Amino acid sequence: MSSRRSRQQSGSSRIISDDQIVQLVSKLQQLVPELHHRRSDKVSASRVLQETCNYIRNLKREMDDLSDRLSQLLTTVDANSEEARIIRSLLN
């Protein structure tokens, strides 16, 4: 296989080298807490991508849960209070 791979981006052709892909996967590995402590260990790119997807799903789930909790809290406070204003701003 060639050391360069062709990828489509916004309708135009862009060449991304294998080294660039390795760097991007390494950056993802550093961002995902589950993988961050393994920085010195070799982790496959597919594992990094899989864990990244899981991490994003979990973040979305947490965000939805927090949004639901804030919505419930909003129903228990005076609609014109400072607390209600803060909660509404957090929900937006």
Protein backbone atom coordinates (compact mmCIF):
# COMPACT_ATOMS: atom_id res chain seq x y z
CA MET A 1 0.00 0.00 0.00
CA SER A 2 1.18 3.52 -0.76
CA SER A 3 2.26 5.82 2.05
CA ARG A 4 -0.51 8.23 1.06
CA ARG A 5 -4.24 7.72 1.04
CA SER A 6 -6.73 9.74 -0.90
CA ARG A 7 -9.69 11.12 1.05
CA GLN A 8 -12.60 13.24 -0.13
CA GLN A 9 -13.20 16.47 1.80
CA SER A 10 -15.87 18.98 0.88
CA GLY A 11 -15.98 17.80 -2.70
CA SER A 12 -12.27 18.34 -3.29
CA SER A 13 -9.56 15.73 -3.18
CA ARG A 14 -7.11 15.91 -0.28
CA ILE A 15 -4.19 13.61 0.40
CA ILE A 16 -3.66 12.52 4.00
CA SER A 17 -0.49 10.63 4.80
CA ASP A 18 -0.37 7.58 7.04
CA ASP A 19 1.70 9.64 9.48
CA GLN A 20 -1.05 12.24 9.69
CA ILE A 21 -3.61 9.52 10.39
CA VAL A 22 -1.39 8.13 13.14
CA GLN A 23 -1.06 11.62 14.65
CA LEU A 24 -4.83 12.16 14.57
CA VAL A 25 -5.50 8.79 16.20
CA SER A 26 -2.88 9.64 18.84
CA LYS A 27 -4.64 12.95 19.55
CA LEU A 28 -7.95 11.13 19.94
CA GLN A 29 -6.30 8.67 22.32
CA GLN A 30 -5.14 11.58 24.47
CA LEU A 31 -8.66 13.05 24.62
CA VAL A 32 -10.50 9.89 25.69
CA PRO A 33 -10.06 9.27 29.43
CA GLU A 34 -10.33 5.50 29.04
CA LEU A 35 -7.36 5.54 26.68
CA HIS A 36 -5.41 8.52 28.00
CA HIS A 37 -3.69 6.55 30.74
CA ARG A 38 -2.56 4.03 28.09
CA ARG A 39 -0.60 6.59 26.08
CA SER A 40 2.62 4.62 26.36
CA ASP A 41 0.91 1.36 25.40
CA LYS A 42 0.21 0.48 21.81
CA VAL A 43 -3.50 0.69 21.14
CA SER A 44 -4.88 -0.12 17.71
CA ALA A 45 -6.49 2.65 15.70
CA SER A 46 -9.74 0.69 15.56
CA ARG A 47 -9.75 0.43 19.37
CA VAL A 48 -9.15 4.18 19.68
CA LEU A 49 -12.01 4.91 17.27
CA GLN A 50 -14.30 2.46 19.06
CA GLU A 51 -13.54 3.93 22.49
CA THR A 52 -13.94 7.46 21.09
CA CYS A 53 -17.42 6.59 19.80
CA ASN A 54 -18.32 5.04 23.16
CA TYR A 55 -17.05 8.12 24.98
CA ILE A 56 -19.08 10.46 22.77
CA ARG A 57 -22.20 8.33 23.29
CA ASN A 58 -21.67 8.45 27.06
CA LEU A 59 -21.16 12.22 26.99
CA LYS A 60 -24.38 12.63 25.02
CA ARG A 61 -26.25 10.42 27.48
CA GLU A 62 -24.88 12.44 30.42
CA MET A 63 -25.83 15.68 28.70
CA ASP A 64 -29.37 14.43 28.09
CA ASP A 65 -29.66 13.30 31.72
CA LEU A 66 -28.46 16.66 33.00
CA SER A 67 -30.82 18.46 30.67
CA ASP A 68 -33.73 16.37 31.98
CA ARG A 69 -32.71 17.08 35.57
CA LEU A 70 -32.49 20.80 34.88
CA SER A 71 -35.90 20.74 33.19
CA GLN A 72 -37.38 19.00 36.23
CA LEU A 73 -35.70 21.50 38.54
CA LEU A 74 -37.11 24.35 36.49
CA THR A 75 -40.64 23.13 37.21
CA THR A 76 -40.00 23.36 40.96
CA VAL A 77 -38.76 26.97 41.09
CA ASP A 78 -40.59 30.25 40.61
CA ALA A 79 -40.63 30.93 36.85
CA ASN A 80 -39.51 34.54 37.36
CA SER A 81 -36.72 33.84 39.83
CA GLU A 82 -33.00 34.23 39.25
CA GLU A 83 -32.62 30.44 39.62
CA ALA A 84 -35.14 29.89 36.82
CA ARG A 85 -33.26 32.34 34.57
CA ILE A 86 -29.98 30.49 35.20
CA ILE A 87 -31.55 27.09 34.55
CA ARG A 88 -33.14 28.34 31.30
CA SER A 89 -29.78 29.69 30.15
CA LEU A 90 -28.14 26.33 30.88
CA LEU A 91 -30.81 24.50 28.89
CA ASN A 92 -30.20 26.72 25.86
